[in-house]
């Protein structure tokens, strides 16, 4: 379950006056109004051509719409004319559509590739972890390969990521602003060299942090189980699988308990120890 959904469930439990409102995709007219307001133009024929191309790609999803507009700006299809002091586009509706990725993950991925390297690293590390993260844990994750960070530096990177629409602060933790952003960050991370070393680093940090946070141990063991046999210490990983399986049993997650026990046995077999 998404961390935001869990947050809202907790809010609802504490306040009986909280009501849920279902939000649906916006209509073509609403998307036209949104884009017209964003670029400070009238809702004329030219504007409707732009909004129609965007709507056909995004089907009224406001997050996808924002990503599509940002993609057009990155490609200089939609640009601010400094001579005329207005936003302009000089291509046809078909060309507009062709310059917007039909896959929003690819669109977000293009944006991530244009971000500073430190923010790329931050998003890549966070992408492997499904939980909300506090600054202390993120600082530990960012400190590697002889590079150290102060907490204020990590906070600055988090704020920059938030300004770019990548992350949200749900005090005191940080989460991805949308699941598609996490998916794009994970794809970006997997494309980089040394991803297995990164996963080993993440698992090491989580195990160090996980003495009083069980979720860290769950995530760490799942990460280690995903790595090739030769990248892990078989004995230690089998012990970790058994330890976390006991945590799962105590919390009533019998399916997870069985899965971890089987993972431990698979590791033993793969290492020729059975």
Protein backbone atom coordinates (compact mmCIF):
# COMPACT_ATOMS: atom_id res chain seq x y z
CA UNK A 1 0.00 0.00 0.00
CA UNK A 2 1.26 3.48 -0.89
CA UNK A 3 2.64 5.46 2.08
CA UNK A 4 0.28 8.36 1.32
CA UNK A 5 -2.72 6.02 1.57
CA UNK A 6 -1.47 4.80 4.94
CA UNK A 7 -1.07 8.40 6.10
CA UNK A 8 -4.62 9.28 5.08
CA UNK A 9 -5.97 6.17 6.79
CA UNK A 10 -4.29 7.26 10.02
CA UNK A 11 -5.71 10.76 9.66
CA UNK A 12 -9.21 9.38 9.14
CA UNK A 13 -8.95 7.14 12.21
CA UNK A 14 -8.21 10.10 14.43
CA UNK A 15 -10.93 12.40 13.14
CA UNK A 16 -14.47 11.25 12.40
CA UNK A 17 -15.18 14.47 10.49
CA UNK A 18 -12.71 13.56 7.73
CA UNK A 19 -14.43 12.73 4.44
CA UNK A 20 -12.97 11.21 1.29
CA UNK A 21 -13.45 12.84 -2.09
CA UNK A 22 -12.91 10.83 -5.25
CA UNK A 23 -10.90 12.77 -7.83
CA UNK A 24 -11.21 11.84 -11.48
CA UNK A 25 -9.34 12.90 -14.61
CA UNK A 26 -10.06 16.40 -15.85
CA UNK A 27 -12.19 17.10 -18.90
CA UNK A 28 -10.70 18.47 -22.15
CA UNK A 29 -12.19 21.88 -21.28
CA UNK A 30 -10.54 21.86 -17.84
CA UNK A 31 -7.19 20.83 -19.31
CA UNK A 32 -7.47 23.69 -21.81
CA UNK A 33 -8.16 26.13 -18.97
CA UNK A 34 -5.26 24.74 -16.93
CA UNK A 35 -2.75 25.04 -19.79
CA UNK A 36 -4.05 28.48 -20.80
CA UNK A 37 -3.59 29.70 -17.23
CA UNK A 38 -0.11 28.13 -17.06
CA UNK A 39 1.16 29.89 -20.19
CA UNK A 40 -0.94 33.05 -19.66
CA UNK A 41 -2.86 32.84 -22.91
CA UNK A 42 -6.48 33.08 -24.00
CA UNK A 43 -8.41 29.90 -24.71
CA UNK A 44 -8.42 30.47 -28.46
CA UNK A 45 -8.04 28.08 -31.40
CA UNK A 46 -4.25 27.98 -31.09
CA UNK A 47 -4.46 27.16 -27.39
CA UNK A 48 -7.02 24.41 -28.01
CA UNK A 49 -4.65 22.83 -30.53
CA UNK A 50 -1.97 22.59 -27.83
CA UNK A 51 -4.36 21.39 -25.15
CA UNK A 52 -5.92 18.83 -27.50
CA UNK A 53 -2.51 17.32 -28.26
CA UNK A 54 -1.70 17.19 -24.54
CA UNK A 55 -5.10 15.70 -23.65
CA UNK A 56 -4.77 12.91 -26.23
CA UNK A 57 -1.51 11.89 -24.56
CA UNK A 58 -2.54 12.31 -20.91
CA UNK A 59 -6.31 11.68 -20.98
CA UNK A 60 -6.87 14.40 -18.41
CA UNK A 61 -4.55 13.10 -15.69
CA UNK A 62 -3.19 16.31 -14.13
CA UNK A 63 0.15 14.78 -13.12
CA UNK A 64 0.70 13.41 -16.63
CA UNK A 65 -0.35 16.78 -18.06
CA UNK A 66 2.29 18.62 -16.04
CA UNK A 67 4.94 16.10 -17.11
CA UNK A 68 3.91 16.46 -20.78
CA UNK A 69 4.22 20.26 -20.61
CA UNK A 70 7.61 20.01 -18.90
CA UNK A 71 8.76 17.61 -21.61
CA UNK A 72 7.74 20.07 -24.33
CA UNK A 73 9.67 22.80 -22.52
CA UNK A 74 12.78 20.59 -22.16
CA UNK A 75 12.67 19.89 -25.90
CA UNK A 76 12.21 23.59 -26.61
CA UNK A 77 8.93 22.88 -28.41
CA UNK A 78 7.12 25.08 -25.91
CA UNK A 79 9.32 28.07 -25.13
CA UNK A 80 9.21 31.56 -23.69
CA UNK A 81 9.88 34.18 -26.36
CA UNK A 82 12.02 36.86 -24.72
CA UNK A 83 11.31 39.28 -27.59
CA UNK A 84 7.52 38.99 -27.39
CA UNK A 85 7.37 38.22 -23.65
CA UNK A 86 5.05 35.26 -24.11
CA UNK A 87 5.00 31.48 -24.30
CA UNK A 88 5.00 30.17 -27.86
CA UNK A 89 5.03 26.97 -29.92
CA UNK A 90 5.52 26.93 -33.67
CA UNK A 91 4.73 23.32 -34.57
CA UNK A 92 1.58 21.53 -35.64
CA UNK A 93 -0.69 19.45 -33.44
CA UNK A 94 0.79 16.27 -34.91
CA UNK A 95 4.33 17.45 -34.17
CA UNK A 96 3.29 18.38 -30.63
CA UNK A 97 1.93 14.87 -30.06
CA UNK A 98 5.05 13.27 -31.55
CA UNK A 99 7.25 15.17 -29.10
CA UNK A 100 5.41 13.93 -26.02
CA UNK A 101 6.20 10.47 -24.73
CA UNK A 102 3.15 8.22 -24.53
CA UNK A 103 4.82 6.60 -21.52
CA UNK A 104 4.88 9.05 -18.61
CA UNK A 105 7.72 7.08 -17.00
CA UNK A 106 9.88 7.83 -20.05
CA UNK A 107 8.87 11.48 -19.80
CA UNK A 108 9.88 11.68 -16.13
CA UNK A 109 13.06 9.74 -16.93
CA UNK A 110 14.00 12.42 -19.43
CA UNK A 111 13.58 15.04 -16.71
CA UNK A 112 15.70 13.07 -14.24
CA UNK A 113 18.52 12.85 -16.79
CA UNK A 114 18.63 16.66 -16.88
CA UNK A 115 18.87 17.06 -13.09
CA UNK A 116 22.16 17.64 -11.21
CA UNK A 117 24.10 14.45 -10.48
CA UNK A 118 23.66 14.69 -6.71
CA UNK A 119 19.88 14.81 -7.07
CA UNK A 120 20.03 11.89 -9.50
CA UNK A 121 21.95 9.91 -6.87
CA UNK A 122 19.43 10.82 -4.17
CA UNK A 123 16.46 9.74 -6.29
CA UNK A 124 18.23 6.54 -7.34
CA UNK A 125 18.91 5.53 -3.74
CA UNK A 126 15.36 6.33 -2.65
CA UNK A 127 13.88 4.40 -5.58
CA UNK A 128 15.09 1.06 -4.20
CA UNK A 129 13.31 1.65 -0.89
CA UNK A 130 9.48 1.56 -0.87
CA UNK A 131 9.18 3.32 2.50
CA UNK A 132 9.18 6.99 3.43
CA UNK A 133 12.65 8.08 4.57
CA UNK A 134 13.87 10.57 7.15
CA UNK A 135 16.86 12.87 6.69
CA UNK A 136 19.09 10.82 9.00
CA UNK A 137 18.65 7.66 6.95
CA UNK A 138 19.07 9.56 3.67
CA UNK A 139 22.29 11.09 4.98
CA UNK A 140 23.63 7.62 5.75
CA UNK A 141 22.64 6.43 2.27
CA UNK A 142 24.29 9.40 0.54
CA UNK A 143 27.60 8.96 2.37
CA UNK A 144 29.56 6.43 0.31
CA UNK A 145 32.62 6.04 -1.92
CA UNK A 146 34.57 8.42 0.28
CA UNK A 147 32.00 11.21 -0.10
CA UNK A 148 30.37 12.56 3.06
CA UNK A 149 27.37 14.84 3.52
CA UNK A 150 26.18 17.05 6.33
CA UNK A 151 22.49 16.88 7.20
CA UNK A 152 21.95 20.43 5.91
CA UNK A 153 23.40 19.41 2.54
CA UNK A 154 20.99 16.49 2.29
CA UNK A 155 18.11 18.79 3.27
CA UNK A 156 19.16 21.18 0.50
CA UNK A 157 19.11 18.35 -2.06
CA UNK A 158 15.70 17.24 -0.80
CA UNK A 159 14.35 20.76 -1.14
CA UNK A 160 15.74 21.05 -4.67
CA UNK A 161 14.10 17.72 -5.53
CA UNK A 162 10.83 19.00 -4.08
CA UNK A 163 11.12 22.21 -6.12
CA UNK A 164 11.49 20.03 -9.22
CA UNK A 165 8.28 18.20 -8.31
CA UNK A 166 10.09 14.93 -7.58
CA UNK A 167 9.61 14.57 -3.82
CA UNK A 168 7.15 15.54 -1.09
CA UNK A 169 7.74 16.20 2.60
CA UNK A 170 5.34 14.29 4.83
CA UNK A 171 7.01 15.48 8.01
CA UNK A 172 9.40 14.21 9.14
CA UNK A 173 9.79 11.88 6.17
CA UNK A 174 10.27 12.32 2.43
CA UNK A 175 8.41 10.38 -0.26
CA UNK A 176 8.17 10.42 -4.05
CA UNK A 177 5.52 12.84 -5.29
CA UNK A 178 4.09 10.11 -7.54
CA UNK A 179 4.63 6.38 -8.07
CA UNK A 180 5.62 7.06 -11.70
CA UNK A 181 8.50 9.22 -10.44
CA UNK A 182 9.73 6.34 -8.32
CA UNK A 183 9.43 3.99 -11.31
CA UNK A 184 11.41 6.40 -13.49
CA UNK A 185 14.05 6.84 -10.76
CA UNK A 186 14.34 3.06 -10.42
CA UNK A 187 14.77 2.70 -14.18
CA UNK A 188 17.42 5.42 -14.15
CA UNK A 189 19.23 3.69 -11.27
CA UNK A 190 19.18 0.30 -13.01
CA UNK A 191 20.75 1.82 -16.12
CA UNK A 192 23.78 3.07 -14.18
CA UNK A 193 26.89 0.95 -13.77
CA UNK A 194 27.58 -0.41 -10.31
CA UNK A 195 23.94 -0.94 -9.42
CA UNK A 196 24.76 -4.15 -7.52
CA UNK A 197 27.30 -2.31 -5.36
CA UNK A 198 24.65 0.34 -4.73
CA UNK A 199 22.21 -2.32 -3.54
CA UNK A 200 24.82 -3.77 -1.20
CA UNK A 201 25.43 -0.30 0.22
CA UNK A 202 21.69 0.31 0.72
CA UNK A 203 21.18 -3.02 2.47
CA UNK A 204 24.17 -2.36 4.74
CA UNK A 205 22.79 1.04 5.76
CA UNK A 206 19.30 -0.34 6.37
CA UNK A 207 20.59 -3.18 8.53
CA UNK A 208 22.61 -0.70 10.57
CA UNK A 209 19.52 1.50 10.94
CA UNK A 210 17.12 -1.40 11.47
CA UNK A 211 17.78 -2.30 15.10
CA UNK A 212 14.57 -0.56 16.16
CA UNK A 213 12.85 -0.35 12.75
CA UNK A 214 11.68 -3.70 11.44
CA UNK A 215 10.81 -2.38 7.99
CA UNK A 216 14.52 -1.70 7.38
CA UNK A 217 15.26 -5.40 7.87
CA UNK A 218 12.42 -6.41 5.53
CA UNK A 219 13.69 -4.13 2.75
CA UNK A 220 17.33 -5.11 3.31
CA UNK A 221 16.66 -8.85 3.07
CA UNK A 222 14.56 -8.40 -0.07
CA UNK A 223 17.37 -6.40 -1.68
CA UNK A 224 20.01 -8.98 -0.76
CA UNK A 225 17.81 -11.84 -1.99
CA UNK A 226 17.62 -10.10 -5.38
CA UNK A 227 21.41 -10.11 -5.84
CA UNK A 228 23.46 -12.89 -7.46
CA UNK A 229 24.76 -15.56 -5.08
CA UNK A 230 28.38 -14.52 -5.57
CA UNK A 231 27.60 -10.97 -4.40
CA UNK A 232 26.41 -11.98 -0.94
CA UNK A 233 27.62 -13.94 2.08
CA UNK A 234 25.45 -17.07 1.91
CA UNK A 235 25.59 -17.93 5.62
CA UNK A 236 24.78 -14.40 6.75
CA UNK A 237 21.96 -14.04 4.25
CA UNK A 238 20.37 -17.34 5.29
CA UNK A 239 20.51 -16.19 8.92
CA UNK A 240 18.93 -12.86 7.94
CA UNK A 241 16.14 -14.62 6.04
CA UNK A 242 15.38 -16.73 9.11
CA UNK A 243 15.50 -13.71 11.42
CA UNK A 244 13.14 -11.64 9.31
CA UNK A 245 10.87 -14.65 8.75
CA UNK A 246 10.41 -14.79 12.53
CA UNK A 247 9.48 -11.09 12.51
CA UNK A 248 6.95 -11.82 9.78
CA UNK A 249 5.46 -14.72 11.74
CA UNK A 250 5.15 -12.62 14.89
CA UNK A 251 3.27 -9.96 12.94
CA UNK A 252 0.93 -12.52 11.38
CA UNK A 253 2.41 -12.29 7.86
CA UNK A 254 2.60 -16.02 7.25
CA UNK A 255 2.93 -15.68 3.49
CA UNK A 256 5.99 -13.48 3.91
CA UNK A 257 7.42 -15.90 6.49
CA UNK A 258 7.15 -18.82 4.06
CA UNK A 259 8.63 -16.79 1.21
CA UNK A 260 11.68 -15.83 3.28
CA UNK A 261 12.26 -19.40 4.48
CA UNK A 262 12.14 -20.61 0.86
CA UNK A 263 14.55 -17.83 -0.16
CA UNK A 264 16.98 -19.01 2.50
CA UNK A 265 16.75 -22.59 1.27
CA UNK A 266 17.23 -21.47 -2.33
CA UNK A 267 20.41 -19.62 -1.31
CA UNK A 268 21.77 -22.71 0.39
CA UNK A 269 21.04 -24.81 -2.67
CA UNK A 270 22.56 -22.27 -5.06
CA UNK A 271 25.71 -22.19 -2.95
CA UNK A 272 25.90 -26.00 -3.00
CA UNK A 273 25.38 -26.27 0.75
CA UNK A 274 22.38 -28.65 0.72
